[in-house]
ModelCIF file with pLDDT and N, C-alpha, C, O atoms, coordinates in Angstrom:
data_MODEL
#
_entry.id   MODEL 
#
_entity.id                         1 
_entity.type                       polymer 
_entity.pdbx_number_of_molecules   1 
#
_entity_poly.entity_id                      1 
_entity_poly.type                           'polypeptide(L)' 
_entity_poly.nstd_linkage                   no 
_entity_poly.nstd_monomer                   no 
_entity_poly.pdbx_seq_one_letter_code       RDDAKNTVYLQMNSLKPEDTAVYYCKGARGRTVYWGQGTQVTVSS 
_entity_poly.pdbx_seq_one_letter_code_can   RDDAKNTVYLQMNSLKPEDTAVYYCKGARGRTVYWGQGTQVTVSS 
_entity_poly.pdbx_strand_id                 A 
#
loop_
_entity_poly_seq.entity_id 
_entity_poly_seq.num 
_entity_poly_seq.mon_id 
_entity_poly_seq.hetero 
1 1  ARG n 
1 2  ASP n 
1 3  ASP n 
1 4  ALA n 
1 5  LYS n 
1 6  ASN n 
1 7  THR n 
1 8  VAL n 
1 9  TYR n 
1 10 LEU n 
1 11 GLN n 
1 12 MET n 
1 13 ASN n 
1 14 SER n 
1 15 LEU n 
1 16 LYS n 
1 17 PRO n 
1 18 GLU n 
1 19 ASP n 
1 20 THR n 
1 21 ALA n 
1 22 VAL n 
1 23 TYR n 
1 24 TYR n 
1 25 CYS n 
1 26 LYS n 
1 27 GLY n 
1 28 ALA n 
1 29 ARG n 
1 30 GLY n 
1 31 ARG n 
1 32 THR n 
1 33 VAL n 
1 34 TYR n 
1 35 TRP n 
1 36 GLY n 
1 37 GLN n 
1 38 GLY n 
1 39 THR n 
1 40 GLN n 
1 41 VAL n 
1 42 THR n 
1 43 VAL n 
1 44 SER n 
1 45 SER n 
#
_struct_asym.id          A 
_struct_asym.entity_id   1 
#
loop_
_ma_qa_metric.id 
_ma_qa_metric.mode 
_ma_qa_metric.name 
_ma_qa_metric.software_group_id 
_ma_qa_metric.type 
1 global pLDDT . pLDDT 
2 local  pLDDT . pLDDT 
#
_ma_qa_metric_global.metric_id      1 
_ma_qa_metric_global.metric_value   96.87 
_ma_qa_metric_global.model_id       1 
_ma_qa_metric_global.ordinal_id     1 
#
loop_
_ma_qa_metric_local.label_asym_id 
_ma_qa_metric_local.label_comp_id 
_ma_qa_metric_local.label_seq_id 
_ma_qa_metric_local.metric_id 
_ma_qa_metric_local.metric_value 
_ma_qa_metric_local.model_id 
_ma_qa_metric_local.ordinal_id 
A ARG 1  2 97.00 1 1  
A ASP 2  2 96.00 1 2  
A ASP 3  2 94.00 1 3  
A ALA 4  2 95.00 1 4  
A LYS 5  2 96.00 1 5  
A ASN 6  2 96.00 1 6  
A THR 7  2 97.00 1 7  
A VAL 8  2 97.00 1 8  
A TYR 9  2 98.00 1 9  
A LEU 10 2 98.00 1 10 
A GLN 11 2 98.00 1 11 
A MET 12 2 98.00 1 12 
A ASN 13 2 98.00 1 13 
A SER 14 2 98.00 1 14 
A LEU 15 2 98.00 1 15 
A LYS 16 2 98.00 1 16 
A PRO 17 2 97.00 1 17 
A GLU 18 2 96.00 1 18 
A ASP 19 2 98.00 1 19 
A THR 20 2 98.00 1 20 
A ALA 21 2 98.00 1 21 
A VAL 22 2 98.00 1 22 
A TYR 23 2 98.00 1 23 
A TYR 24 2 98.00 1 24 
A CYS 25 2 97.00 1 25 
A LYS 26 2 97.00 1 26 
A GLY 27 2 96.00 1 27 
A ALA 28 2 96.00 1 28 
A ARG 29 2 96.00 1 29 
A GLY 30 2 93.00 1 30 
A ARG 31 2 95.00 1 31 
A THR 32 2 95.00 1 32 
A VAL 33 2 96.00 1 33 
A TYR 34 2 96.00 1 34 
A TRP 35 2 97.00 1 35 
A GLY 36 2 97.00 1 36 
A GLN 37 2 96.00 1 37 
A GLY 38 2 97.00 1 38 
A THR 39 2 98.00 1 39 
A GLN 40 2 98.00 1 40 
A VAL 41 2 98.00 1 41 
A THR 42 2 98.00 1 42 
A VAL 43 2 98.00 1 43 
A SER 44 2 97.00 1 44 
A SER 45 2 95.00 1 45 
#
loop_
_atom_site.group_PDB 
_atom_site.id 
_atom_site.type_symbol 
_atom_site.label_atom_id 
_atom_site.label_alt_id 
_atom_site.label_comp_id 
_atom_site.label_asym_id 
_atom_site.label_entity_id 
_atom_site.label_seq_id 
_atom_site.pdbx_PDB_ins_code 
_atom_site.Cartn_x 
_atom_site.Cartn_y 
_atom_site.Cartn_z 
_atom_site.occupancy 
_atom_site.B_iso_or_equiv 
_atom_site.pdbx_formal_charge 
_atom_site.auth_seq_id 
_atom_site.auth_comp_id 
_atom_site.auth_asym_id 
_atom_site.auth_atom_id 
_atom_site.pdbx_PDB_model_num 
ATOM 1   N N  . ARG A 1 1  ? 37.204 27.816 8.461   1.00 97.00 ? 1  ARG A N  1 
ATOM 2   C CA . ARG A 1 1  ? 37.052 26.956 9.297   1.00 97.00 ? 1  ARG A CA 1 
ATOM 3   C C  . ARG A 1 1  ? 36.288 26.777 10.630  1.00 97.00 ? 1  ARG A C  1 
ATOM 4   O O  . ARG A 1 1  ? 36.169 27.847 11.228  1.00 97.00 ? 1  ARG A O  1 
ATOM 5   N N  . ASP A 1 2  ? 35.763 25.759 11.227  1.00 96.00 ? 2  ASP A N  1 
ATOM 6   C CA . ASP A 1 2  ? 35.036 25.865 12.318  1.00 96.00 ? 2  ASP A CA 1 
ATOM 7   C C  . ASP A 1 2  ? 35.836 24.912 13.350  1.00 96.00 ? 2  ASP A C  1 
ATOM 8   O O  . ASP A 1 2  ? 35.920 23.686 13.286  1.00 96.00 ? 2  ASP A O  1 
ATOM 9   N N  . ASP A 1 3  ? 36.245 25.532 14.048  1.00 94.00 ? 3  ASP A N  1 
ATOM 10  C CA . ASP A 1 3  ? 36.875 24.938 15.369  1.00 94.00 ? 3  ASP A CA 1 
ATOM 11  C C  . ASP A 1 3  ? 36.134 24.236 16.136  1.00 94.00 ? 3  ASP A C  1 
ATOM 12  O O  . ASP A 1 3  ? 36.576 23.500 17.018  1.00 94.00 ? 3  ASP A O  1 
ATOM 13  N N  . ALA A 1 4  ? 34.963 24.396 15.875  1.00 95.00 ? 4  ALA A N  1 
ATOM 14  C CA . ALA A 1 4  ? 33.768 24.154 17.042  1.00 95.00 ? 4  ALA A CA 1 
ATOM 15  C C  . ALA A 1 4  ? 33.857 22.428 16.622  1.00 95.00 ? 4  ALA A C  1 
ATOM 16  O O  . ALA A 1 4  ? 33.989 21.508 17.429  1.00 95.00 ? 4  ALA A O  1 
ATOM 17  N N  . LYS A 1 5  ? 33.769 22.340 15.467  1.00 96.00 ? 5  LYS A N  1 
ATOM 18  C CA . LYS A 1 5  ? 33.566 20.801 14.422  1.00 96.00 ? 5  LYS A CA 1 
ATOM 19  C C  . LYS A 1 5  ? 34.970 20.361 13.758  1.00 96.00 ? 5  LYS A C  1 
ATOM 20  O O  . LYS A 1 5  ? 35.117 19.542 12.851  1.00 96.00 ? 5  LYS A O  1 
ATOM 21  N N  . ASN A 1 6  ? 36.000 21.125 14.451  1.00 96.00 ? 6  ASN A N  1 
ATOM 22  C CA . ASN A 1 6  ? 37.439 20.450 14.221  1.00 96.00 ? 6  ASN A CA 1 
ATOM 23  C C  . ASN A 1 6  ? 37.382 20.278 12.561  1.00 96.00 ? 6  ASN A C  1 
ATOM 24  O O  . ASN A 1 6  ? 38.082 19.390 12.075  1.00 96.00 ? 6  ASN A O  1 
ATOM 25  N N  . THR A 1 7  ? 36.615 21.054 11.734  1.00 97.00 ? 7  THR A N  1 
ATOM 26  C CA . THR A 1 7  ? 36.444 21.070 10.431  1.00 97.00 ? 7  THR A CA 1 
ATOM 27  C C  . THR A 1 7  ? 36.865 22.307 9.518   1.00 97.00 ? 7  THR A C  1 
ATOM 28  O O  . THR A 1 7  ? 36.337 23.387 9.781   1.00 97.00 ? 7  THR A O  1 
ATOM 29  N N  . VAL A 1 8  ? 37.982 22.215 8.226   1.00 97.00 ? 8  VAL A N  1 
ATOM 30  C CA . VAL A 1 8  ? 37.940 23.271 7.579   1.00 97.00 ? 8  VAL A CA 1 
ATOM 31  C C  . VAL A 1 8  ? 37.613 22.853 6.274   1.00 97.00 ? 8  VAL A C  1 
ATOM 32  O O  . VAL A 1 8  ? 37.897 21.767 5.770   1.00 97.00 ? 8  VAL A O  1 
ATOM 33  N N  . TYR A 1 9  ? 36.846 24.015 5.638   1.00 98.00 ? 9  TYR A N  1 
ATOM 34  C CA . TYR A 1 9  ? 36.264 23.999 4.325   1.00 98.00 ? 9  TYR A CA 1 
ATOM 35  C C  . TYR A 1 9  ? 36.857 24.824 3.164   1.00 98.00 ? 9  TYR A C  1 
ATOM 36  O O  . TYR A 1 9  ? 37.678 25.730 3.303   1.00 98.00 ? 9  TYR A O  1 
ATOM 37  N N  . LEU A 1 10 ? 36.370 24.421 2.081   1.00 98.00 ? 10 LEU A N  1 
ATOM 38  C CA . LEU A 1 10 ? 36.948 25.108 0.608   1.00 98.00 ? 10 LEU A CA 1 
ATOM 39  C C  . LEU A 1 10 ? 35.896 25.141 -0.237  1.00 98.00 ? 10 LEU A C  1 
ATOM 40  O O  . LEU A 1 10 ? 35.655 24.223 -1.021  1.00 98.00 ? 10 LEU A O  1 
ATOM 41  N N  . GLN A 1 11 ? 35.174 26.242 -0.131  1.00 98.00 ? 11 GLN A N  1 
ATOM 42  C CA . GLN A 1 11 ? 34.103 26.556 -0.974  1.00 98.00 ? 11 GLN A CA 1 
ATOM 43  C C  . GLN A 1 11 ? 34.647 27.044 -2.334  1.00 98.00 ? 11 GLN A C  1 
ATOM 44  O O  . GLN A 1 11 ? 35.027 28.187 -2.587  1.00 98.00 ? 11 GLN A O  1 
ATOM 45  N N  . MET A 1 12 ? 34.611 25.711 -3.378  1.00 98.00 ? 12 MET A N  1 
ATOM 46  C CA . MET A 1 12 ? 34.913 26.119 -4.791  1.00 98.00 ? 12 MET A CA 1 
ATOM 47  C C  . MET A 1 12 ? 34.116 26.398 -5.661  1.00 98.00 ? 12 MET A C  1 
ATOM 48  O O  . MET A 1 12 ? 33.712 25.355 -6.176  1.00 98.00 ? 12 MET A O  1 
ATOM 49  N N  . ASN A 1 13 ? 33.541 27.535 -6.231  1.00 98.00 ? 13 ASN A N  1 
ATOM 50  C CA . ASN A 1 13 ? 32.653 28.036 -7.131  1.00 98.00 ? 13 ASN A CA 1 
ATOM 51  C C  . ASN A 1 13 ? 33.321 28.496 -8.592  1.00 98.00 ? 13 ASN A C  1 
ATOM 52  O O  . ASN A 1 13 ? 34.535 28.396 -8.772  1.00 98.00 ? 13 ASN A O  1 
ATOM 53  N N  . SER A 1 14 ? 32.581 28.918 -9.434  1.00 98.00 ? 14 SER A N  1 
ATOM 54  C CA . SER A 1 14 ? 33.150 28.914 -11.233 1.00 98.00 ? 14 SER A CA 1 
ATOM 55  C C  . SER A 1 14 ? 34.073 28.016 -11.515 1.00 98.00 ? 14 SER A C  1 
ATOM 56  O O  . SER A 1 14 ? 35.135 28.319 -12.058 1.00 98.00 ? 14 SER A O  1 
ATOM 57  N N  . LEU A 1 15 ? 33.650 26.447 -11.061 1.00 98.00 ? 15 LEU A N  1 
ATOM 58  C CA . LEU A 1 15 ? 34.831 25.507 -11.533 1.00 98.00 ? 15 LEU A CA 1 
ATOM 59  C C  . LEU A 1 15 ? 35.375 25.558 -12.874 1.00 98.00 ? 15 LEU A C  1 
ATOM 60  O O  . LEU A 1 15 ? 34.630 26.061 -13.715 1.00 98.00 ? 15 LEU A O  1 
ATOM 61  N N  . LYS A 1 16 ? 36.654 25.097 -13.310 1.00 98.00 ? 16 LYS A N  1 
ATOM 62  C CA . LYS A 1 16 ? 36.942 25.144 -14.339 1.00 98.00 ? 16 LYS A CA 1 
ATOM 63  C C  . LYS A 1 16 ? 37.604 23.748 -14.690 1.00 98.00 ? 16 LYS A C  1 
ATOM 64  O O  . LYS A 1 16 ? 37.597 23.002 -13.711 1.00 98.00 ? 16 LYS A O  1 
ATOM 65  N N  . PRO A 1 17 ? 38.098 23.269 -15.676 1.00 97.00 ? 17 PRO A N  1 
ATOM 66  C CA . PRO A 1 17 ? 38.708 22.455 -16.023 1.00 97.00 ? 17 PRO A CA 1 
ATOM 67  C C  . PRO A 1 17 ? 40.050 21.839 -15.722 1.00 97.00 ? 17 PRO A C  1 
ATOM 68  O O  . PRO A 1 17 ? 40.435 20.670 -15.741 1.00 97.00 ? 17 PRO A O  1 
ATOM 69  N N  . GLU A 1 18 ? 40.689 23.065 -15.418 1.00 96.00 ? 18 GLU A N  1 
ATOM 70  C CA . GLU A 1 18 ? 42.059 22.714 -14.768 1.00 96.00 ? 18 GLU A CA 1 
ATOM 71  C C  . GLU A 1 18 ? 42.004 23.158 -13.394 1.00 96.00 ? 18 GLU A C  1 
ATOM 72  O O  . GLU A 1 18 ? 43.053 23.504 -12.851 1.00 96.00 ? 18 GLU A O  1 
ATOM 73  N N  . ASP A 1 19 ? 40.941 23.191 -12.783 1.00 98.00 ? 19 ASP A N  1 
ATOM 74  C CA . ASP A 1 19 ? 40.739 22.548 -11.601 1.00 98.00 ? 19 ASP A CA 1 
ATOM 75  C C  . ASP A 1 19 ? 40.673 21.222 -11.028 1.00 98.00 ? 19 ASP A C  1 
ATOM 76  O O  . ASP A 1 19 ? 40.695 21.095 -9.804  1.00 98.00 ? 19 ASP A O  1 
ATOM 77  N N  . THR A 1 20 ? 40.573 19.962 -12.001 1.00 98.00 ? 20 THR A N  1 
ATOM 78  C CA . THR A 1 20 ? 40.625 18.645 -11.854 1.00 98.00 ? 20 THR A CA 1 
ATOM 79  C C  . THR A 1 20 ? 42.020 18.474 -11.157 1.00 98.00 ? 20 THR A C  1 
ATOM 80  O O  . THR A 1 20 ? 42.995 18.807 -11.831 1.00 98.00 ? 20 THR A O  1 
ATOM 81  N N  . ALA A 1 21 ? 42.226 18.014 -9.936  1.00 98.00 ? 21 ALA A N  1 
ATOM 82  C CA . ALA A 1 21 ? 43.310 17.640 -9.186  1.00 98.00 ? 21 ALA A CA 1 
ATOM 83  C C  . ALA A 1 21 ? 42.812 16.442 -8.152  1.00 98.00 ? 21 ALA A C  1 
ATOM 84  O O  . ALA A 1 21 ? 41.640 16.146 -7.919  1.00 98.00 ? 21 ALA A O  1 
ATOM 85  N N  . VAL A 1 22 ? 43.678 15.995 -7.743  1.00 98.00 ? 22 VAL A N  1 
ATOM 86  C CA . VAL A 1 22 ? 42.923 15.517 -5.921  1.00 98.00 ? 22 VAL A CA 1 
ATOM 87  C C  . VAL A 1 22 ? 43.660 16.459 -5.331  1.00 98.00 ? 22 VAL A C  1 
ATOM 88  O O  . VAL A 1 22 ? 44.709 17.000 -5.681  1.00 98.00 ? 22 VAL A O  1 
ATOM 89  N N  . TYR A 1 23 ? 42.727 16.635 -4.035  1.00 98.00 ? 23 TYR A N  1 
ATOM 90  C CA . TYR A 1 23 ? 42.820 17.792 -3.556  1.00 98.00 ? 23 TYR A CA 1 
ATOM 91  C C  . TYR A 1 23 ? 43.188 17.372 -1.490  1.00 98.00 ? 23 TYR A C  1 
ATOM 92  O O  . TYR A 1 23 ? 42.269 16.809 -0.895  1.00 98.00 ? 23 TYR A O  1 
ATOM 93  N N  . TYR A 1 24 ? 44.323 17.667 -0.793  1.00 98.00 ? 24 TYR A N  1 
ATOM 94  C CA . TYR A 1 24 ? 44.488 17.457 -0.143  1.00 98.00 ? 24 TYR A CA 1 
ATOM 95  C C  . TYR A 1 24 ? 44.328 18.403 1.310   1.00 98.00 ? 24 TYR A C  1 
ATOM 96  O O  . TYR A 1 24 ? 44.685 19.561 1.091   1.00 98.00 ? 24 TYR A O  1 
ATOM 97  N N  . CYS A 1 25 ? 44.016 18.245 2.296   1.00 97.00 ? 25 CYS A N  1 
ATOM 98  C CA . CYS A 1 25 ? 44.596 18.985 3.511   1.00 97.00 ? 25 CYS A CA 1 
ATOM 99  C C  . CYS A 1 25 ? 45.228 18.942 4.049   1.00 97.00 ? 25 CYS A C  1 
ATOM 100 O O  . CYS A 1 25 ? 45.513 17.756 4.209   1.00 97.00 ? 25 CYS A O  1 
ATOM 101 N N  . LYS A 1 26 ? 46.319 20.071 5.063   1.00 97.00 ? 26 LYS A N  1 
ATOM 102 C CA . LYS A 1 26 ? 47.527 19.639 5.774   1.00 97.00 ? 26 LYS A CA 1 
ATOM 103 C C  . LYS A 1 26 ? 47.193 20.500 6.701   1.00 97.00 ? 26 LYS A C  1 
ATOM 104 O O  . LYS A 1 26 ? 46.713 21.614 6.492   1.00 97.00 ? 26 LYS A O  1 
ATOM 105 N N  . GLY A 1 27 ? 47.442 19.998 7.783   1.00 96.00 ? 27 GLY A N  1 
ATOM 106 C CA . GLY A 1 27 ? 47.820 21.142 8.949   1.00 96.00 ? 27 GLY A CA 1 
ATOM 107 C C  . GLY A 1 27 ? 48.978 21.118 9.423   1.00 96.00 ? 27 GLY A C  1 
ATOM 108 O O  . GLY A 1 27 ? 49.857 20.287 9.193   1.00 96.00 ? 27 GLY A O  1 
ATOM 109 N N  . ALA A 1 28 ? 49.031 22.371 10.354  1.00 96.00 ? 28 ALA A N  1 
ATOM 110 C CA . ALA A 1 28 ? 50.378 22.652 10.044  1.00 96.00 ? 28 ALA A CA 1 
ATOM 111 C C  . ALA A 1 28 ? 50.666 23.406 11.709  1.00 96.00 ? 28 ALA A C  1 
ATOM 112 O O  . ALA A 1 28 ? 49.875 24.298 12.015  1.00 96.00 ? 28 ALA A O  1 
ATOM 113 N N  . ARG A 1 29 ? 51.657 23.076 12.629  1.00 96.00 ? 29 ARG A N  1 
ATOM 114 C CA . ARG A 1 29 ? 52.382 23.771 13.432  1.00 96.00 ? 29 ARG A CA 1 
ATOM 115 C C  . ARG A 1 29 ? 53.484 23.801 14.082  1.00 96.00 ? 29 ARG A C  1 
ATOM 116 O O  . ARG A 1 29 ? 53.941 22.885 14.765  1.00 96.00 ? 29 ARG A O  1 
ATOM 117 N N  . GLY A 1 30 ? 54.017 25.003 13.869  1.00 93.00 ? 30 GLY A N  1 
ATOM 118 C CA . GLY A 1 30 ? 55.751 24.499 13.647  1.00 93.00 ? 30 GLY A CA 1 
ATOM 119 C C  . GLY A 1 30 ? 56.157 23.530 12.814  1.00 93.00 ? 30 GLY A C  1 
ATOM 120 O O  . GLY A 1 30 ? 55.678 23.376 11.691  1.00 93.00 ? 30 GLY A O  1 
ATOM 121 N N  . ARG A 1 31 ? 57.173 22.731 13.372  1.00 95.00 ? 31 ARG A N  1 
ATOM 122 C CA . ARG A 1 31 ? 57.495 21.557 12.727  1.00 95.00 ? 31 ARG A CA 1 
ATOM 123 C C  . ARG A 1 31 ? 56.581 20.387 12.718  1.00 95.00 ? 31 ARG A C  1 
ATOM 124 O O  . ARG A 1 31 ? 57.163 19.323 12.505  1.00 95.00 ? 31 ARG A O  1 
ATOM 125 N N  . THR A 1 32 ? 55.526 20.324 12.864  1.00 95.00 ? 32 THR A N  1 
ATOM 126 C CA . THR A 1 32 ? 54.568 19.048 13.103  1.00 95.00 ? 32 THR A CA 1 
ATOM 127 C C  . THR A 1 32 ? 53.699 19.336 12.066  1.00 95.00 ? 32 THR A C  1 
ATOM 128 O O  . THR A 1 32 ? 53.138 20.429 11.986  1.00 95.00 ? 32 THR A O  1 
ATOM 129 N N  . VAL A 1 33 ? 53.512 18.274 11.113  1.00 96.00 ? 33 VAL A N  1 
ATOM 130 C CA . VAL A 1 33 ? 52.617 18.317 10.144  1.00 96.00 ? 33 VAL A CA 1 
ATOM 131 C C  . VAL A 1 33 ? 51.997 17.488 9.779   1.00 96.00 ? 33 VAL A C  1 
ATOM 132 O O  . VAL A 1 33 ? 52.623 16.435 9.903   1.00 96.00 ? 33 VAL A O  1 
ATOM 133 N N  . TYR A 1 34 ? 50.522 17.269 9.137   1.00 96.00 ? 34 TYR A N  1 
ATOM 134 C CA . TYR A 1 34 ? 49.891 16.275 9.110   1.00 96.00 ? 34 TYR A CA 1 
ATOM 135 C C  . TYR A 1 34 ? 49.055 16.587 7.582   1.00 96.00 ? 34 TYR A C  1 
ATOM 136 O O  . TYR A 1 34 ? 48.826 17.703 7.117   1.00 96.00 ? 34 TYR A O  1 
ATOM 137 N N  . TRP A 1 35 ? 48.694 15.283 6.985   1.00 97.00 ? 35 TRP A N  1 
ATOM 138 C CA . TRP A 1 35 ? 48.501 15.293 5.853   1.00 97.00 ? 35 TRP A CA 1 
ATOM 139 C C  . TRP A 1 35 ? 47.394 14.702 5.531   1.00 97.00 ? 35 TRP A C  1 
ATOM 140 O O  . TRP A 1 35 ? 47.501 13.558 5.971   1.00 97.00 ? 35 TRP A O  1 
ATOM 141 N N  . GLY A 1 36 ? 45.748 14.897 4.686   1.00 97.00 ? 36 GLY A N  1 
ATOM 142 C CA . GLY A 1 36 ? 45.182 13.914 4.530   1.00 97.00 ? 36 GLY A CA 1 
ATOM 143 C C  . GLY A 1 36 ? 45.581 13.016 3.156   1.00 97.00 ? 36 GLY A C  1 
ATOM 144 O O  . GLY A 1 36 ? 46.509 13.138 2.356   1.00 97.00 ? 36 GLY A O  1 
ATOM 145 N N  . GLN A 1 37 ? 44.356 11.970 3.253   1.00 96.00 ? 37 GLN A N  1 
ATOM 146 C CA . GLN A 1 37 ? 44.593 11.167 1.627   1.00 96.00 ? 37 GLN A CA 1 
ATOM 147 C C  . GLN A 1 37 ? 44.066 11.739 0.313   1.00 96.00 ? 37 GLN A C  1 
ATOM 148 O O  . GLN A 1 37 ? 44.177 11.355 -0.851  1.00 96.00 ? 37 GLN A O  1 
ATOM 149 N N  . GLY A 1 38 ? 43.542 12.633 0.798   1.00 97.00 ? 38 GLY A N  1 
ATOM 150 C CA . GLY A 1 38 ? 43.281 13.652 -0.435  1.00 97.00 ? 38 GLY A CA 1 
ATOM 151 C C  . GLY A 1 38 ? 41.672 12.655 -0.870  1.00 97.00 ? 38 GLY A C  1 
ATOM 152 O O  . GLY A 1 38 ? 41.046 11.639 -0.565  1.00 97.00 ? 38 GLY A O  1 
ATOM 153 N N  . THR A 1 39 ? 41.656 14.033 -1.923  1.00 98.00 ? 39 THR A N  1 
ATOM 154 C CA . THR A 1 39 ? 40.104 13.685 -2.360  1.00 98.00 ? 39 THR A CA 1 
ATOM 155 C C  . THR A 1 39 ? 39.817 14.129 -3.926  1.00 98.00 ? 39 THR A C  1 
ATOM 156 O O  . THR A 1 39 ? 40.265 15.221 -4.276  1.00 98.00 ? 39 THR A O  1 
ATOM 157 N N  . GLN A 1 40 ? 39.041 13.275 -4.945  1.00 98.00 ? 40 GLN A N  1 
ATOM 158 C CA . GLN A 1 40 ? 39.360 13.787 -6.206  1.00 98.00 ? 40 GLN A CA 1 
ATOM 159 C C  . GLN A 1 40 ? 38.365 14.358 -6.903  1.00 98.00 ? 40 GLN A C  1 
ATOM 160 O O  . GLN A 1 40 ? 37.364 13.734 -7.254  1.00 98.00 ? 40 GLN A O  1 
ATOM 161 N N  . VAL A 1 41 ? 38.557 15.498 -7.133  1.00 98.00 ? 41 VAL A N  1 
ATOM 162 C CA . VAL A 1 41 ? 37.969 16.741 -8.191  1.00 98.00 ? 41 VAL A CA 1 
ATOM 163 C C  . VAL A 1 41 ? 38.109 16.742 -9.549  1.00 98.00 ? 41 VAL A C  1 
ATOM 164 O O  . VAL A 1 41 ? 39.147 17.157 -10.063 1.00 98.00 ? 41 VAL A O  1 
ATOM 165 N N  . THR A 1 42 ? 37.156 16.311 -10.221 1.00 98.00 ? 42 THR A N  1 
ATOM 166 C CA . THR A 1 42 ? 37.008 16.257 -11.580 1.00 98.00 ? 42 THR A CA 1 
ATOM 167 C C  . THR A 1 42 ? 36.140 17.088 -12.128 1.00 98.00 ? 42 THR A C  1 
ATOM 168 O O  . THR A 1 42 ? 34.958 16.839 -11.891 1.00 98.00 ? 42 THR A O  1 
ATOM 169 N N  . VAL A 1 43 ? 36.469 18.350 -13.044 1.00 98.00 ? 43 VAL A N  1 
ATOM 170 C CA . VAL A 1 43 ? 35.805 19.301 -13.524 1.00 98.00 ? 43 VAL A CA 1 
ATOM 171 C C  . VAL A 1 43 ? 35.652 18.695 -15.175 1.00 98.00 ? 43 VAL A C  1 
ATOM 172 O O  . VAL A 1 43 ? 36.642 18.638 -15.904 1.00 98.00 ? 43 VAL A O  1 
ATOM 173 N N  . SER A 1 44 ? 34.666 18.384 -15.507 1.00 97.00 ? 44 SER A N  1 
ATOM 174 C CA . SER A 1 44 ? 34.434 17.725 -16.655 1.00 97.00 ? 44 SER A CA 1 
ATOM 175 C C  . SER A 1 44 ? 32.979 18.089 -17.427 1.00 97.00 ? 44 SER A C  1 
ATOM 176 O O  . SER A 1 44 ? 32.075 18.239 -16.606 1.00 97.00 ? 44 SER A O  1 
ATOM 177 N N  . SER A 1 45 ? 32.573 18.257 -18.782 1.00 95.00 ? 45 SER A N  1 
ATOM 178 C CA . SER A 1 45 ? 31.311 18.048 -19.121 1.00 95.00 ? 45 SER A CA 1 
ATOM 179 C C  . SER A 1 45 ? 31.096 16.742 -19.837 1.00 95.00 ? 45 SER A C  1 
ATOM 180 O O  . SER A 1 45 ? 29.968 16.420 -20.210 1.00 95.00 ? 45 SER A O  1 
#
């Protein structure tokens, strides 16, 4: 995370076909939860 940029990163290496999915981020503090809309990751040859 880089709080100065209000951004969290997920570095994904050695990707496999089973990593294929829609990836969502979630922010949570106590009972307050926020979700993003998702981004598609497809691992395929």
